[in-house]
Amino acid sequence: MNNCLKSGLLAAVLFSMPVAAFAQQYTVYFNQNGKLTATMPSVAYVRQYKIAAGKAQVQDFYYPSMKKYSDPYEIPAGQIKVFVPALDNGTLTLWHFNGQKKMVGSYRNGKPHGEWINWYPNGKKSAVMPYQNGLSEGVGSRYYRNGVKESEIQFKHDKANGHWKQWYSDGSPKTEMMMSNDKPTEIISWDENGRIVSELSIRNGKRSGIILDWYDDGAKKSELVYKDDQLVKKTFWDTDGYVLE
């Protein structure tokens, strides 16, 4: 094969390859707080990217180990310097330094959409949040590192509406609230021994109900009664169970 023919074939192959294959790779650095930095001793993450047609093909890594912090993803070129960018469409997957999955969240039309999940470095879930077109919609949950559920909130139209429940790390109930547009309307709470410490309703920002305190042996220590945010009755007991004047 003569040299002219070889050159022609090489040119044909090169020009048939996608432009992105020749895009230059760039790098930006971030510190531990996700801020851009050019001071190498403060670098905690490095972003490698290529740009083609206004889009950036990106992958993030821990620095200096170069362990992956993210799976590859695509973002508008203008978001290169944003540590946690918003994808137009697609899934953002992040990883802990130890190789355990850290977060998975999907975007649609530039907004979070679907169920976002976070994990602790030990592999247990830390949080679940459902989105619909960028708004919180559905039941969101948080978890302790031991896997026990810490809280559960019902969202509607990006606000807490419905039950908000909280638990202690052993799974026993801590607080139950009824929410309306991010505001509590009813609250009941327990201490770590399962004793009620408050039972309140809230109307127009004013509390009505009782607040209790207990001695370590389980005997009642005090009881405060509220009506429309005014203390209307208070009772105290000594350690022998007698009412204090």
Protein backbone atom coordinates (compact mmCIF):
# COMPACT_ATOMS: atom_id res chain seq x y z
CA MET A 1 0.00 0.00 0.00
CA ASN A 2 1.55 3.28 -1.05
CA ASN A 3 2.00 6.22 1.31
CA CYS A 4 -0.72 8.33 -0.32
CA LEU A 5 -3.29 5.58 0.17
CA LYS A 6 -2.22 5.08 3.80
CA SER A 7 -2.54 8.81 4.46
CA GLY A 8 -5.97 8.89 2.87
CA LEU A 9 -7.24 5.99 4.97
CA LEU A 10 -5.86 7.55 8.17
CA ALA A 11 -7.55 10.86 7.38
CA ALA A 12 -10.85 9.11 6.73
CA VAL A 13 -10.67 7.31 10.07
CA LEU A 14 -9.77 10.46 11.99
CA PHE A 15 -12.52 12.57 10.50
CA SER A 16 -15.10 9.85 11.10
CA MET A 17 -14.37 9.76 14.85
CA PRO A 18 -16.51 11.85 17.25
CA VAL A 19 -15.19 15.28 18.09
CA ALA A 20 -15.45 14.40 21.78
CA ALA A 21 -12.70 11.82 21.31
CA PHE A 22 -10.24 14.66 20.69
CA ALA A 23 -11.57 17.02 23.34
CA GLN A 24 -8.85 18.23 25.67
CA GLN A 25 -9.07 17.08 29.27
CA TYR A 26 -9.14 19.78 31.94
CA THR A 27 -8.85 19.71 35.70
CA VAL A 28 -10.19 21.80 38.58
CA TYR A 29 -9.59 21.31 42.29
CA PHE A 30 -11.83 21.64 45.36
CA ASN A 31 -11.05 21.77 49.06
CA GLN A 32 -12.75 19.74 51.79
CA ASN A 33 -15.64 22.23 51.88
CA GLY A 34 -16.30 21.97 48.15
CA LYS A 35 -14.76 25.33 47.33
CA LEU A 36 -12.51 25.88 44.33
CA THR A 37 -8.85 26.06 45.26
CA ALA A 38 -5.48 26.38 43.56
CA THR A 39 -3.59 25.71 46.80
CA MET A 40 -2.51 22.11 46.44
CA PRO A 41 -2.08 21.33 50.18
CA SER A 42 -5.77 22.12 50.67
CA VAL A 43 -7.03 20.02 47.75
CA ALA A 44 -9.43 17.22 48.72
CA TYR A 45 -11.15 16.53 45.38
CA VAL A 46 -10.18 16.80 41.73
CA ARG A 47 -12.57 17.11 38.81
CA GLN A 48 -11.49 15.91 35.38
CA TYR A 49 -13.61 16.92 32.42
CA LYS A 50 -13.83 17.36 28.67
CA ILE A 51 -16.07 19.86 26.90
CA ALA A 52 -17.87 19.36 23.60
CA ALA A 53 -20.87 21.26 22.21
CA GLY A 54 -21.42 23.14 25.47
CA LYS A 55 -21.57 19.97 27.55
CA ALA A 56 -18.96 18.67 29.95
CA GLN A 57 -18.20 14.99 30.44
CA VAL A 58 -17.13 14.86 34.07
CA GLN A 59 -15.76 12.55 36.72
CA ASP A 60 -14.69 13.50 40.24
CA PHE A 61 -11.97 11.86 42.34
CA TYR A 62 -10.55 12.04 45.85
CA TYR A 63 -7.15 13.72 45.94
CA PRO A 64 -4.38 12.66 46.06
CA SER A 65 -5.45 8.99 46.06
CA MET A 66 -7.48 9.42 42.84
CA LYS A 67 -10.09 7.02 44.17
CA LYS A 68 -13.36 7.77 42.44
CA TYR A 69 -15.74 10.15 44.16
CA SER A 70 -18.32 9.99 41.38
CA ASP A 71 -19.30 7.91 38.41
CA PRO A 72 -18.96 9.76 35.07
CA TYR A 73 -21.76 12.23 34.38
CA GLU A 74 -22.66 15.06 32.01
CA ILE A 75 -23.43 18.65 32.97
CA PRO A 76 -23.70 22.03 31.24
CA ALA A 77 -20.22 23.49 30.80
CA GLY A 78 -21.21 26.47 32.95
CA GLN A 79 -21.45 24.24 36.04
CA ILE A 80 -17.91 22.94 35.96
CA LYS A 81 -16.90 25.02 38.98
CA VAL A 82 -19.94 23.99 41.06
CA PHE A 83 -18.92 21.19 43.43
CA VAL A 84 -22.39 19.60 43.51
CA PRO A 85 -23.76 20.48 40.07
CA ALA A 86 -27.28 19.95 38.74
CA LEU A 87 -27.52 17.59 35.80
CA ASP A 88 -29.92 18.34 32.98
CA ASN A 89 -30.92 14.69 32.90
CA GLY A 90 -29.39 11.54 34.26
CA THR A 91 -28.15 10.06 37.51
CA LEU A 92 -25.47 11.35 39.87
CA THR A 93 -23.71 8.61 41.83
CA LEU A 94 -21.18 9.42 44.55
CA TRP A 95 -18.86 7.14 46.52
CA HIS A 96 -17.27 7.16 49.96
CA PHE A 97 -13.49 6.96 50.18
CA ASN A 98 -13.71 3.33 51.31
CA GLY A 99 -15.54 2.36 48.11
CA GLN A 100 -19.02 2.19 49.62
CA LYS A 101 -21.77 3.97 47.73
CA LYS A 102 -22.51 7.42 49.18
CA MET A 103 -25.42 8.83 47.18
CA VAL A 104 -27.60 8.15 44.15
CA GLY A 105 -29.95 10.79 42.78
CA SER A 106 -31.58 11.38 39.42
CA TYR A 107 -32.38 14.59 37.56
CA ARG A 108 -35.04 15.36 35.00
CA ASN A 109 -35.05 18.67 33.16
CA GLY A 110 -32.45 20.05 35.56
CA LYS A 111 -34.40 19.16 38.73
CA PRO A 112 -34.17 16.31 41.22
CA HIS A 113 -36.71 13.66 40.31
CA GLY A 114 -37.38 10.28 41.84
CA GLU A 115 -35.98 8.72 44.99
CA TRP A 116 -32.63 10.03 46.25
CA ILE A 117 -30.73 7.72 48.60
CA ASN A 118 -27.72 8.39 50.85
CA TRP A 119 -25.57 5.82 52.66
CA TYR A 120 -23.13 5.89 55.56
CA PRO A 121 -19.54 4.67 54.97
CA ASN A 122 -20.55 1.41 56.68
CA GLY A 123 -22.99 0.71 53.84
CA LYS A 124 -26.20 1.37 55.78
CA LYS A 125 -28.72 3.89 54.47
CA SER A 126 -28.58 7.35 56.04
CA ALA A 127 -31.45 9.07 54.21
CA VAL A 128 -34.12 8.60 51.56
CA MET A 129 -35.88 11.55 49.95
CA PRO A 130 -38.47 11.40 47.15
CA TYR A 131 -38.66 14.23 44.61
CA GLN A 132 -41.07 15.16 41.88
CA ASN A 133 -39.92 17.85 39.47
CA GLY A 134 -37.57 19.30 42.08
CA LEU A 135 -40.07 19.28 44.95
CA SER A 136 -40.18 16.96 47.95
CA GLU A 137 -43.15 14.67 47.44
CA GLY A 138 -43.84 11.51 49.42
CA VAL A 139 -42.24 10.01 52.53
CA GLY A 140 -38.69 11.02 53.44
CA SER A 141 -36.65 9.08 56.01
CA ARG A 142 -33.42 9.39 57.95
CA TYR A 143 -31.53 6.57 59.69
CA TYR A 144 -29.02 6.12 62.48
CA ARG A 145 -25.68 4.51 61.67
CA ASN A 146 -26.91 1.27 63.23
CA GLY A 147 -29.67 1.06 60.60
CA VAL A 148 -32.55 2.05 62.90
CA LYS A 149 -34.89 4.64 61.45
CA GLU A 150 -34.37 8.07 63.03
CA SER A 151 -37.27 9.99 61.46
CA GLU A 152 -39.98 9.81 58.83
CA ILE A 153 -41.73 12.80 57.28
CA GLN A 154 -44.62 13.00 54.84
CA PHE A 155 -44.14 15.70 52.19
CA LYS A 156 -46.67 17.26 49.87
CA HIS A 157 -45.88 20.16 47.55
CA ASP A 158 -42.38 20.48 49.07
CA LYS A 159 -43.68 20.96 52.61
CA ALA A 160 -44.18 18.69 55.59
CA ASN A 161 -47.83 17.65 55.55
CA GLY A 162 -49.00 14.70 57.61
CA HIS A 163 -47.04 12.59 60.09
CA TRP A 164 -43.55 13.43 61.27
CA LYS A 165 -42.23 10.62 63.45
CA GLN A 166 -38.95 10.36 65.32
CA TRP A 167 -37.33 7.43 67.13
CA TYR A 168 -34.46 6.91 69.53
CA SER A 169 -31.50 4.87 68.31
CA ASP A 170 -32.92 1.73 69.96
CA GLY A 171 -36.12 2.07 67.91
CA SER A 172 -38.37 3.31 70.72
CA PRO A 173 -40.64 6.28 69.89
CA LYS A 174 -39.36 9.79 70.55
CA THR A 175 -41.82 12.22 68.94
CA GLU A 176 -44.92 12.12 66.78
CA MET A 177 -46.20 15.29 65.15
CA MET A 178 -48.96 16.15 62.75
CA MET A 179 -47.74 18.76 60.28
CA SER A 180 -49.59 21.23 58.10
CA ASN A 181 -47.51 23.21 55.60
CA ASP A 182 -44.34 22.81 57.68
CA LYS A 183 -46.06 23.74 60.96
CA PRO A 184 -46.89 21.30 63.77
CA THR A 185 -50.53 21.05 64.85
CA GLU A 186 -50.18 18.14 67.30
CA ILE A 187 -47.17 16.90 69.26
CA ILE A 188 -46.65 13.95 71.54
CA SER A 189 -43.19 13.06 72.84
CA TRP A 190 -41.59 10.44 75.07
CA ASP A 191 -38.37 10.19 77.02
CA GLU A 192 -35.92 7.32 76.50
CA ASN A 193 -37.76 5.25 79.11
CA GLY A 194 -41.03 5.45 77.19
CA ARG A 195 -42.71 8.01 79.47
CA ILE A 196 -44.77 10.80 77.92
CA VAL A 197 -43.11 14.19 78.40
CA SER A 198 -45.50 16.33 76.35
CA GLU A 199 -48.86 16.08 74.66
CA LEU A 200 -49.82 19.30 72.93
CA SER A 201 -52.05 20.71 70.24
CA ILE A 202 -51.13 23.93 68.49
CA ARG A 203 -53.65 26.35 67.02
CA ASN A 204 -52.69 29.71 65.59
CA GLY A 205 -49.22 29.24 67.00
CA LYS A 206 -50.48 28.72 70.57
CA ARG A 207 -49.96 25.57 72.63
CA SER A 208 -52.61 23.72 74.61
CA GLY A 209 -51.93 20.54 76.55
CA ILE A 210 -49.54 19.14 79.15
CA ILE A 211 -45.78 18.99 79.72
CA LEU A 212 -44.51 16.37 82.17
CA ASP A 213 -41.27 15.68 84.01
CA TRP A 214 -40.33 12.48 85.82
CA TYR A 215 -38.01 11.23 88.54
CA ASP A 216 -35.53 8.52 87.63
CA ASP A 217 -37.64 5.90 89.43
CA GLY A 218 -40.61 6.67 87.16
CA ALA A 219 -42.57 8.80 89.63
CA LYS A 220 -44.09 11.99 88.31
CA LYS A 221 -42.08 15.11 89.17
CA SER A 222 -44.11 17.91 87.58
CA GLU A 223 -47.09 18.58 85.37
CA LEU A 224 -47.68 21.85 83.52
CA VAL A 225 -51.00 22.52 81.82
CA TYR A 226 -51.25 25.09 79.02
CA LYS A 227 -54.24 26.67 77.34
CA ASP A 228 -53.66 28.93 74.32
CA ASP A 229 -50.01 29.29 75.34
CA GLN A 230 -50.91 30.36 78.88
CA LEU A 231 -49.85 28.29 81.87
CA VAL A 232 -53.13 27.57 83.65
CA LYS A 233 -52.03 24.91 86.14
CA LYS A 234 -48.81 23.56 87.56
CA THR A 235 -48.27 20.70 89.97
CA PHE A 236 -45.04 19.45 91.55
CA TRP A 237 -44.38 16.26 93.52
CA ASP A 238 -41.57 15.37 95.88
CA THR A 239 -39.66 12.09 95.71
CA ASP A 240 -42.18 10.48 98.08
CA GLY A 241 -45.10 11.31 95.79
CA TYR A 242 -46.52 14.18 97.85
CA VAL A 243 -47.74 17.34 96.14
CA LEU A 244 -45.55 20.34 96.85
CA GLU A 245 -47.24 23.59 97.71
